[in-house]
C-alpha atoms as a PDB file:
ATOM      1  CA  MET A   1      -7.099 -21.955  -1.881  1.00  0.00           C
ATOM      2  CA  LEU A   2      -8.302 -19.423  -4.475  1.00  0.00           C
ATOM      3  CA  GLU A   3     -11.783 -20.918  -4.618  1.00  0.00           C
ATOM      4  CA  GLN A   4     -12.002 -21.049  -0.834  1.00  0.00           C
ATOM      5  CA  LEU A   5     -10.969 -17.400  -0.463  1.00  0.00           C
ATOM      6  CA  SER A   6     -13.387 -16.267  -3.166  1.00  0.00           C
ATOM      7  CA  GLU A   7     -16.566 -17.648  -1.559  1.00  0.00           C
ATOM      8  CA  SER A   8     -19.430 -15.562  -0.142  1.00  0.00           C
ATOM      9  CA  LYS A   9     -18.668 -12.203  -1.724  1.00  0.00           C
ATOM     10  CA  ASP A  10     -21.352  -9.613  -0.950  1.00  0.00           C
ATOM     11  CA  LEU A  11     -19.983  -6.086  -0.728  1.00  0.00           C
ATOM     12  CA  SER A  12     -23.371  -4.708   0.225  1.00  0.00           C
ATOM     13  CA  LYS A  13     -22.924  -6.474   3.573  1.00  0.00           C
ATOM     14  CA  LYS A  14     -19.151  -6.690   3.818  1.00  0.00           C
ATOM     15  CA  ASN A  15     -17.665  -3.228   3.660  1.00  0.00           C
ATOM     16  CA  SER A  16     -15.887  -2.523   6.939  1.00  0.00           C
ATOM     17  CA  ILE A  17     -12.364  -1.161   6.483  1.00  0.00           C
ATOM     18  CA  SER A  18      -9.246  -1.688   8.584  1.00  0.00           C
ATOM     19  CA  VAL A  19      -6.682   1.060   8.037  1.00  0.00           C
ATOM     20  CA  ILE A  20      -3.160   0.334   9.295  1.00  0.00           C
ATOM     21  CA  THR A  21      -0.455   2.914   9.932  1.00  0.00           C
ATOM     22  CA  VAL A  22       3.124   1.821  10.565  1.00  0.00           C
ATOM     23  CA  VAL A  23       5.537   4.388  11.953  1.00  0.00           C
ATOM     24  CA  PHE A  24       8.969   4.800  13.489  1.00  0.00           C
ATOM     25  CA  ASN A  25      10.342   8.091  14.817  1.00  0.00           C
ATOM     26  CA  ASP A  26       8.140  10.350  12.706  1.00  0.00           C
ATOM     27  CA  VAL A  27       6.798  12.864  15.205  1.00  0.00           C
ATOM     28  CA  LYS A  28       6.716  15.441  12.406  1.00  0.00           C
ATOM     29  CA  HIS A  29       4.026  13.653  10.386  1.00  0.00           C
ATOM     30  CA  ILE A  30       2.194  11.091  12.522  1.00  0.00           C
ATOM     31  CA  ARG A  31      -0.512  13.417  13.827  1.00  0.00           C
ATOM     32  CA  GLU A  32      -1.468  14.638  10.351  1.00  0.00           C
ATOM     33  CA  THR A  33      -1.664  11.053   9.099  1.00  0.00           C
ATOM     34  CA  MET A  34      -3.842   9.949  12.027  1.00  0.00           C
ATOM     35  CA  GLU A  35      -6.143  12.944  11.613  1.00  0.00           C
ATOM     36  CA  SER A  36      -6.515  12.020   7.952  1.00  0.00           C
ATOM     37  CA  PHE A  37      -8.000   8.707   9.056  1.00  0.00           C
ATOM     38  CA  PHE A  38     -10.252  10.165  11.738  1.00  0.00           C
ATOM     39  CA  SER A  39     -11.631  12.742   9.305  1.00  0.00           C
ATOM     40  CA  GLN A  40     -13.065  10.021   7.061  1.00  0.00           C
ATOM     41  CA  SER A  41     -16.835  10.178   6.637  1.00  0.00           C
ATOM     42  CA  TRP A  42     -17.172   6.374   6.367  1.00  0.00           C
ATOM     43  CA  GLU A  43     -18.202   5.081   9.785  1.00  0.00           C
ATOM     44  CA  ASP A  44     -17.631   1.341   9.415  1.00  0.00           C
ATOM     45  CA  LYS A  45     -13.871   1.520   9.921  1.00  0.00           C
ATOM     46  CA  GLU A  46     -11.149   0.755  12.444  1.00  0.00           C
ATOM     47  CA  TYR A  47      -7.663   2.134  12.925  1.00  0.00           C
ATOM     48  CA  ILE A  48      -4.547   0.165  13.839  1.00  0.00           C
ATOM     49  CA  VAL A  49      -1.197   1.828  14.554  1.00  0.00           C
ATOM     50  CA  ILE A  50       2.029  -0.171  14.740  1.00  0.00           C
ATOM     51  CA  ASP A  51       5.003   1.777  16.078  1.00  0.00           C
ATOM     52  CA  GLY A  52       8.513   0.342  15.932  1.00  0.00           C
ATOM     53  CA  GLY A  53       9.590   1.626  19.325  1.00  0.00           C
ATOM     54  CA  SER A  54       9.909   5.344  18.596  1.00  0.00           C
ATOM     55  CA  THR A  55      11.881   7.558  20.947  1.00  0.00           C
ATOM     56  CA  ASP A  56      11.233  11.002  19.414  1.00  0.00           C
ATOM     57  CA  GLY A  57       7.764  11.759  20.822  1.00  0.00           C
ATOM     58  CA  THR A  58       5.775   9.792  18.255  1.00  0.00           C
ATOM     59  CA  VAL A  59       4.400   7.468  20.932  1.00  0.00           C
ATOM     60  CA  ASP A  60       3.133  10.411  22.988  1.00  0.00           C
ATOM     61  CA  ILE A  61       1.005  11.534  20.045  1.00  0.00           C
ATOM     62  CA  ILE A  62      -0.324   8.019  19.406  1.00  0.00           C
ATOM     63  CA  GLN A  63      -1.325   7.742  23.065  1.00  0.00           C
ATOM     64  CA  GLU A  64      -3.473  10.860  22.724  1.00  0.00           C
ATOM     65  CA  TYR A  65      -5.691   8.859  20.347  1.00  0.00           C
ATOM     66  CA  SER A  66      -5.475   5.510  22.150  1.00  0.00           C
ATOM     67  CA  ASP A  67      -9.161   5.368  23.095  1.00  0.00           C
ATOM     68  CA  ARG A  68     -10.079   5.686  19.406  1.00  0.00           C
ATOM     69  CA  LEU A  69      -7.755   2.958  18.158  1.00  0.00           C
ATOM     70  CA  ALA A  70      -8.775  -0.658  17.574  1.00  0.00           C
ATOM     71  CA  PHE A  71      -5.203  -1.687  18.394  1.00  0.00           C
ATOM     72  CA  TRP A  72      -1.812  -0.078  18.801  1.00  0.00           C
ATOM     73  CA  CYS A  73       1.596  -1.059  20.059  1.00  0.00           C
ATOM     74  CA  SER A  74       5.076   0.362  20.336  1.00  0.00           C
ATOM     75  CA  GLU A  75       7.798  -2.246  20.236  1.00  0.00           C
ATOM     76  CA  LYS A  76      10.932  -3.139  18.331  1.00  0.00           C
ATOM     77  CA  ASP A  77      10.276  -4.958  15.080  1.00  0.00           C
ATOM     78  CA  ASP A  78      12.189  -6.286  12.089  1.00  0.00           C
ATOM     79  CA  GLY A  79      11.344  -3.399   9.804  1.00  0.00           C
ATOM     80  CA  ILE A  80       8.372  -1.860   8.047  1.00  0.00           C
ATOM     81  CA  TYR A  81       7.016  -5.087   6.537  1.00  0.00           C
ATOM     82  CA  ASP A  82       7.211  -6.964   9.812  1.00  0.00           C
ATOM     83  CA  ALA A  83       5.169  -4.110  11.295  1.00  0.00           C
ATOM     84  CA  MET A  84       2.686  -4.355   8.416  1.00  0.00           C
ATOM     85  CA  ASN A  85       2.244  -8.074   9.027  1.00  0.00           C
ATOM     86  CA  LYS A  86       1.527  -7.332  12.695  1.00  0.00           C
ATOM     87  CA  GLY A  87      -1.163  -4.904  11.589  1.00  0.00           C
ATOM     88  CA  ILE A  88      -2.737  -7.494   9.309  1.00  0.00           C
ATOM     89  CA  ASN A  89      -2.871  -9.966  12.206  1.00  0.00           C
ATOM     90  CA  HIS A  90      -4.930  -7.512  14.276  1.00  0.00           C
ATOM     91  CA  ALA A  91      -7.284  -6.341  11.511  1.00  0.00           C
ATOM     92  CA  THR A  92     -10.960  -7.308  11.880  1.00  0.00           C
ATOM     93  CA  GLY A  93     -12.431  -5.423   8.910  1.00  0.00           C
ATOM     94  CA  ASP A  94     -13.427  -6.806   5.520  1.00  0.00           C
ATOM     95  CA  TRP A  95     -10.865  -4.695   3.661  1.00  0.00           C
ATOM     96  CA  ILE A  96      -7.311  -3.700   4.629  1.00  0.00           C
ATOM     97  CA  ASN A  97      -5.565  -0.484   3.623  1.00  0.00           C
ATOM     98  CA  PHE A  98      -2.145   0.857   4.620  1.00  0.00           C
ATOM     99  CA  LEU A  99      -1.840   4.565   5.402  1.00  0.00           C
ATOM    100  CA  ASN A 100       1.790   4.893   6.386  1.00  0.00           C
ATOM    101  CA  SER A 101       3.096   7.794   8.441  1.00  0.00           C
ATOM    102  CA  GLY A 102       3.462  10.843   6.208  1.00  0.00           C
ATOM    103  CA  ASP A 103       0.754   9.661   3.811  1.00  0.00           C
ATOM    104  CA  LEU A 104      -2.755  11.132   3.699  1.00  0.00           C
ATOM    105  CA  PHE A 105      -6.131  10.326   2.198  1.00  0.00           C
ATOM    106  CA  VAL A 106      -6.769  12.951  -0.485  1.00  0.00           C
ATOM    107  CA  ASP A 107     -10.042  14.027   1.148  1.00  0.00           C
ATOM    108  CA  LYS A 108     -12.472  12.978   3.866  1.00  0.00           C
ATOM    109  CA  TYR A 109     -14.695  10.993   1.511  1.00  0.00           C
ATOM    110  CA  VAL A 110     -12.095   8.522   0.211  1.00  0.00           C
ATOM    111  CA  LEU A 111     -13.257   5.451   2.148  1.00  0.00           C
ATOM    112  CA  GLN A 112     -16.908   6.207   1.432  1.00  0.00           C
ATOM    113  CA  HIS A 113     -16.305   6.634  -2.295  1.00  0.00           C
ATOM    114  CA  CYS A 114     -14.224   3.460  -2.446  1.00  0.00           C
ATOM    115  CA  ILE A 115     -17.097   1.429  -1.043  1.00  0.00           C
ATOM    116  CA  GLU A 116     -19.661   3.138  -3.272  1.00  0.00           C
ATOM    117  CA  LEU A 117     -17.617   2.694  -6.462  1.00  0.00           C
ATOM    118  CA  SER A 118     -16.819  -0.941  -5.663  1.00  0.00           C
ATOM    119  CA  HIS A 119     -20.439  -1.902  -4.921  1.00  0.00           C
ATOM    120  CA  ASN A 120     -21.205  -5.402  -6.221  1.00  0.00           C
ATOM    121  CA  THR A 121     -17.712  -6.033  -7.578  1.00  0.00           C
ATOM    122  CA  GLU A 122     -16.210  -9.423  -6.854  1.00  0.00           C
ATOM    123  CA  ALA A 123     -12.667  -8.059  -6.863  1.00  0.00           C
ATOM    124  CA  ASP A 124     -10.135  -9.169  -4.274  1.00  0.00           C
ATOM    125  CA  VAL A 125      -8.080  -5.983  -4.626  1.00  0.00           C
ATOM    126  CA  LEU A 126      -9.415  -2.466  -5.173  1.00  0.00           C
ATOM    127  CA  TYR A 127      -6.955   0.182  -6.330  1.00  0.00           C
ATOM    128  CA  GLY A 128      -6.931   3.726  -7.621  1.00  0.00           C
ATOM    129  CA  ASN A 129      -4.877   6.771  -8.486  1.00  0.00           C
ATOM    130  CA  SER A 130      -2.463   8.599  -6.199  1.00  0.00           C
ATOM    131  CA  GLN A 131      -1.194  12.097  -5.580  1.00  0.00           C
ATOM    132  CA  GLU A 132       2.508  12.865  -5.190  1.00  0.00           C
ATOM    133  CA  ARG A 133       3.605  15.767  -2.978  1.00  0.00           C
ATOM    134  CA  PHE A 134       6.977  17.387  -3.618  1.00  0.00           C
ATOM    135  CA  LYS A 135       8.244  20.822  -2.555  1.00  0.00           C
ATOM    136  CA  GLY A 136       4.760  22.101  -1.816  1.00  0.00           C
ATOM    137  CA  LYS A 137       3.255  20.944  -5.104  1.00  0.00           C
ATOM    138  CA  ALA A 138       0.921  18.026  -5.843  1.00  0.00           C
ATOM    139  CA  ARG A 139       1.040  15.854  -8.962  1.00  0.00           C
ATOM    140  CA  HIS A 140      -1.597  13.354 -10.101  1.00  0.00           C
ATOM    141  CA  ILE A 141      -0.319   9.782 -10.536  1.00  0.00           C
ATOM    142  CA  GLU A 142      -2.625   7.741 -12.762  1.00  0.00           C
ATOM    143  CA  ALA A 143      -2.858   4.024 -12.055  1.00  0.00           C
ATOM    144  CA  TYR A 144      -3.045   1.606 -14.964  1.00  0.00           C
ATOM    145  CA  LYS A 145      -6.580   0.461 -15.713  1.00  0.00           C
ATOM    146  CA  ASP A 146      -5.581  -2.947 -17.061  1.00  0.00           C
ATOM    147  CA  PRO A 147      -3.946  -5.025 -14.287  1.00  0.00           C
ATOM    148  CA  ARG A 148      -2.195  -7.151 -16.917  1.00  0.00           C
ATOM    149  CA  ILE A 149       0.447  -4.414 -17.030  1.00  0.00           C
ATOM    150  CA  MET A 150       1.750  -6.059 -13.865  1.00  0.00           C
ATOM    151  CA  ASP A 151       3.518  -8.577 -16.065  1.00  0.00           C
ATOM    152  CA  LEU A 152       6.030  -5.729 -16.493  1.00  0.00           C
ATOM    153  CA  VAL A 153       5.455  -2.913 -13.994  1.00  0.00           C
ATOM    154  CA  PRO A 154       3.327  -2.068 -10.932  1.00  0.00           C
ATOM    155  CA  ALA A 155      -0.171  -0.910 -11.872  1.00  0.00           C
ATOM    156  CA  TYR A 156      -0.595   1.346  -8.842  1.00  0.00           C
ATOM    157  CA  ARG A 157       0.973   2.552  -5.606  1.00  0.00           C
ATOM    158  CA  HIS A 158       0.517   0.198  -2.668  1.00  0.00           C
ATOM    159  CA  GLY A 159      -1.119   2.726  -0.320  1.00  0.00           C
ATOM    160  CA  SER A 160      -3.813   3.484  -2.877  1.00  0.00           C
ATOM    161  CA  SER A 161      -5.343   0.033  -2.611  1.00  0.00           C
ATOM    162  CA  PHE A 162      -7.619  -2.142  -0.488  1.00  0.00           C
ATOM    163  CA  VAL A 163      -7.146  -5.900  -0.159  1.00  0.00           C
ATOM    164  CA  ARG A 164      -9.812  -8.244   1.159  1.00  0.00           C
ATOM    165  CA  ALA A 165      -8.801  -9.145   4.692  1.00  0.00           C
ATOM    166  CA  LYS A 166      -9.420 -12.856   4.177  1.00  0.00           C
ATOM    167  CA  VAL A 167      -6.896 -12.734   1.322  1.00  0.00           C
ATOM    168  CA  HIS A 168      -4.340 -10.579   3.141  1.00  0.00           C
ATOM    169  CA  LYS A 169      -4.367 -12.784   6.229  1.00  0.00           C
ATOM    170  CA  VAL A 170      -3.218 -15.677   4.051  1.00  0.00           C
ATOM    171  CA  TYR A 171      -0.928 -13.697   1.749  1.00  0.00           C
ATOM    172  CA  LYS A 172       1.364 -11.511   3.833  1.00  0.00           C
ATOM    173  CA  PHE A 173       4.658  -9.745   3.156  1.00  0.00           C
ATOM    174  CA  ASP A 174       7.430 -12.283   2.620  1.00  0.00           C
ATOM    175  CA  LEU A 175      10.070 -11.266   5.161  1.00  0.00           C
ATOM    176  CA  SER A 176      12.479 -13.905   3.837  1.00  0.00           C
ATOM    177  CA  LYS A 177      13.001 -11.652   0.799  1.00  0.00           C
ATOM    178  CA  CYS A 178      13.841  -8.475   2.732  1.00  0.00           C
ATOM    179  CA  ALA A 179      17.558  -8.645   1.961  1.00  0.00           C
ATOM    180  CA  GLU A 180      16.919  -9.186  -1.738  1.00  0.00           C
ATOM    181  CA  LEU A 181      14.087  -6.711  -2.313  1.00  0.00           C
ATOM    182  CA  ASP A 182      14.352  -4.194   0.529  1.00  0.00           C
ATOM    183  CA  TYR A 183      11.545  -1.610   0.188  1.00  0.00           C
ATOM    184  CA  ALA A 184       9.905  -3.445  -2.764  1.00  0.00           C
ATOM    185  CA  LEU A 185       8.260  -6.195  -0.697  1.00  0.00           C
ATOM    186  CA  ASP A 186       4.888  -4.505  -1.126  1.00  0.00           C
ATOM    187  CA  TRP A 187       5.194  -4.794  -4.920  1.00  0.00           C
ATOM    188  CA  GLU A 188       6.354  -8.412  -4.531  1.00  0.00           C
ATOM    189  CA  LEU A 189       3.150  -9.172  -2.634  1.00  0.00           C
ATOM    190  CA  ILE A 190       0.960  -7.372  -5.169  1.00  0.00           C
ATOM    191  CA  HIS A 191       2.632  -9.264  -8.015  1.00  0.00           C
ATOM    192  CA  ARG A 192       2.194 -12.541  -6.134  1.00  0.00           C
ATOM    193  CA  LEU A 193      -1.550 -11.895  -5.763  1.00  0.00           C
ATOM    194  CA  TYR A 194      -1.732 -11.055  -9.463  1.00  0.00           C
ATOM    195  CA  LYS A 195       0.065 -14.264 -10.475  1.00  0.00           C
ATOM    196  CA  GLN A 196      -2.170 -16.299  -8.159  1.00  0.00           C
ATOM    197  CA  GLY A 197      -5.178 -15.148 -10.186  1.00  0.00           C
ATOM    198  CA  PHE A 198      -6.880 -12.812  -7.723  1.00  0.00           C
ATOM    199  CA  MET A 199      -9.153 -10.201  -9.243  1.00  0.00           C
ATOM    200  CA  PHE A 200      -8.086  -6.547  -9.362  1.00  0.00           C
ATOM    201  CA  TYR A 201     -10.499  -3.664  -9.934  1.00  0.00           C
ATOM    202  CA  LYS A 202      -9.542  -0.050 -10.585  1.00  0.00           C
ATOM    203  CA  LEU A 203     -11.505   2.738  -8.903  1.00  0.00           C
ATOM    204  CA  ASP A 204     -11.491   5.942 -10.941  1.00  0.00           C
ATOM    205  CA  MET A 205     -10.416   8.201  -8.082  1.00  0.00           C
ATOM    206  CA  GLU A 206      -7.386   9.432  -6.159  1.00  0.00           C
ATOM    207  CA  ILE A 207      -6.958   7.567  -2.881  1.00  0.00           C
ATOM    208  CA  GLN A 208      -3.754   8.601  -1.115  1.00  0.00           C
ATOM    209  CA  SER A 209      -1.348  11.506  -1.216  1.00  0.00           C
ATOM    210  CA  PHE A 210       2.291  10.644  -0.518  1.00  0.00           C
ATOM    211  CA  GLN A 211       5.599  12.433  -0.082  1.00  0.00           C
ATOM    212  CA  LYS A 212       8.076  11.862  -2.895  1.00  0.00           C
ATOM    213  CA  GLU A 213      10.953  11.928  -0.420  1.00  0.00           C
ATOM    214  CA  GLY A 214      10.124   8.387   0.777  1.00  0.00           C
ATOM    215  CA  ILE A 215      12.383   5.393   1.252  1.00  0.00           C
ATOM    216  CA  SER A 216      11.546   4.073  -2.240  1.00  0.00           C
ATOM    217  CA  ASN A 217      12.644   7.272  -4.012  1.00  0.00           C
ATOM    218  CA  ASN A 218      15.523   5.570  -5.853  1.00  0.00           C
ATOM    219  CA  THR A 219      14.486   5.160  -9.462  1.00  0.00           C
ATOM    220  CA  ILE A 220      17.173   2.864 -10.893  1.00  0.00           C
ATOM    221  CA  ARG A 221      17.113   0.542  -7.889  1.00  0.00           C
ATOM    222  CA  SER A 222      13.325   0.391  -8.150  1.00  0.00           C
ATOM    223  CA  PHE A 223      13.629  -0.655 -11.806  1.00  0.00           C
ATOM    224  CA  TRP A 224      15.973  -3.484 -10.787  1.00  0.00           C
ATOM    225  CA  TYR A 225      13.689  -4.692  -8.011  1.00  0.00           C
ATOM    226  CA  ASN A 226      10.847  -4.590 -10.515  1.00  0.00           C
ATOM    227  CA  TYR A 227      12.786  -6.842 -12.891  1.00  0.00           C
ATOM    228  CA  ILE A 228      13.603  -9.338 -10.126  1.00  0.00           C
ATOM    229  CA  ILE A 229       9.960  -9.502  -9.063  1.00  0.00           C
ATOM    230  CA  THR A 230       8.337  -9.773 -12.491  1.00  0.00           C
ATOM    231  CA  SER A 231      10.896 -12.315 -13.759  1.00  0.00           C
ATOM    232  CA  GLU A 232      10.214 -14.411 -10.631  1.00  0.00           C
ATOM    233  CA  GLY A 233      13.851 -15.365 -10.103  1.00  0.00           C
ATOM    234  CA  ARG A 234      14.404 -16.586 -13.669  1.00  0.00           C
ATOM    235  CA  PHE A 235      16.127 -14.805 -16.541  1.00  0.00           C
ATOM    236  CA  ASN A 236      13.523 -13.288 -18.850  1.00  0.00           C
ATOM    237  CA  LEU A 237      14.871 -11.627 -22.000  1.00  0.00           C
ATOM    238  CA  ARG A 238      11.784  -9.495 -22.659  1.00  0.00           C
ATOM    239  CA  LYS A 239      11.680  -8.148 -19.118  1.00  0.00           C
ATOM    240  CA  PHE A 240      15.451  -7.634 -18.974  1.00  0.00           C
ATOM    241  CA  ILE A 241      15.319  -5.606 -22.198  1.00  0.00           C
ATOM    242  CA  HIS A 242      12.539  -3.528 -20.641  1.00  0.00           C
ATOM    243  CA  PHE A 243      14.747  -2.927 -17.584  1.00  0.00           C
ATOM    244  CA  ILE A 244      17.722  -1.833 -19.765  1.00  0.00           C
ATOM    245  CA  ARG A 245      15.521   0.382 -21.927  1.00  0.00           C
ATOM    246  CA  ILE A 246      13.799   2.242 -19.093  1.00  0.00           C
ATOM    247  CA  THR A 247      17.048   2.582 -17.130  1.00  0.00           C
ATOM    248  CA  THR A 248      18.893   4.023 -20.136  1.00  0.00           C
ATOM    249  CA  LYS A 249      16.056   6.445 -20.820  1.00  0.00           C
ATOM    250  CA  THR A 250      16.124   7.636 -17.211  1.00  0.00           C
ATOM    251  CA  LEU A 251      19.899   8.139 -17.181  1.00  0.00           C
ATOM    252  CA  ILE A 252      19.820  10.097 -20.456  1.00  0.00           C
ATOM    253  CA  LYS A 253      17.044  12.292 -19.098  1.00  0.00           C
ATOM    254  CA  ARG A 254      19.121  13.056 -15.997  1.00  0.00           C
ATOM    255  CA  VAL A 255      22.109  14.094 -18.112  1.00  0.00           C
ATOM    256  CA  TYR A 256      20.140  16.521 -20.256  1.00  0.00           C
ATOM    257  CA  THR A 257      17.901  18.057 -17.570  1.00  0.00           C
END
């Protein structure tokens, strides 16, 4: 499968981007997120919006942009990752990126710079740095340059990445693990791609800005999900010690700050 997916790589000819936004009852942020996409200078792009059946006015805003969308729908789903899989099914670009409601591209040249910086690379996944927004302030989040760090921890934030569509259409979010991993299914997929031997390439740039107050803002739980994912369902002493060490350090920091 890996050899089949890795054939015919020519980024000079294959550089269209499908950006997917999933949303549910987020009338406060959806317009800003959509405008962030439409402001992008890169022309070879398409936008897909998957709404989970919002009732707060979100759908009204999406409809304002309907003639500029490659696809959109508003219907009940089985959660954020089910919605993401729907978006993948409708994507026709060469690369897929997720810009979830409330998230923004850091500037209007992000897609253009991603293509320019990745020119001639044979990578299956492009990723970069992120920006965290909290209480009106922005903080730079540096992604790890060496993807081998994913033996222990995520190398980057999911939204700040682009996956080749032909890979993503085969490797989707595993909904059977929703109960076990909850909001960490994106990291489970990234780790799965890493273990399958796909090539990751870091772009030295910030890609997305995100709000800290997201659904994954639970540090200790995130550490546990990380252990489950990296240990692949088997007890691993080295990784368990890492989990205990980083959890203890976090708890001590909370006590003394």
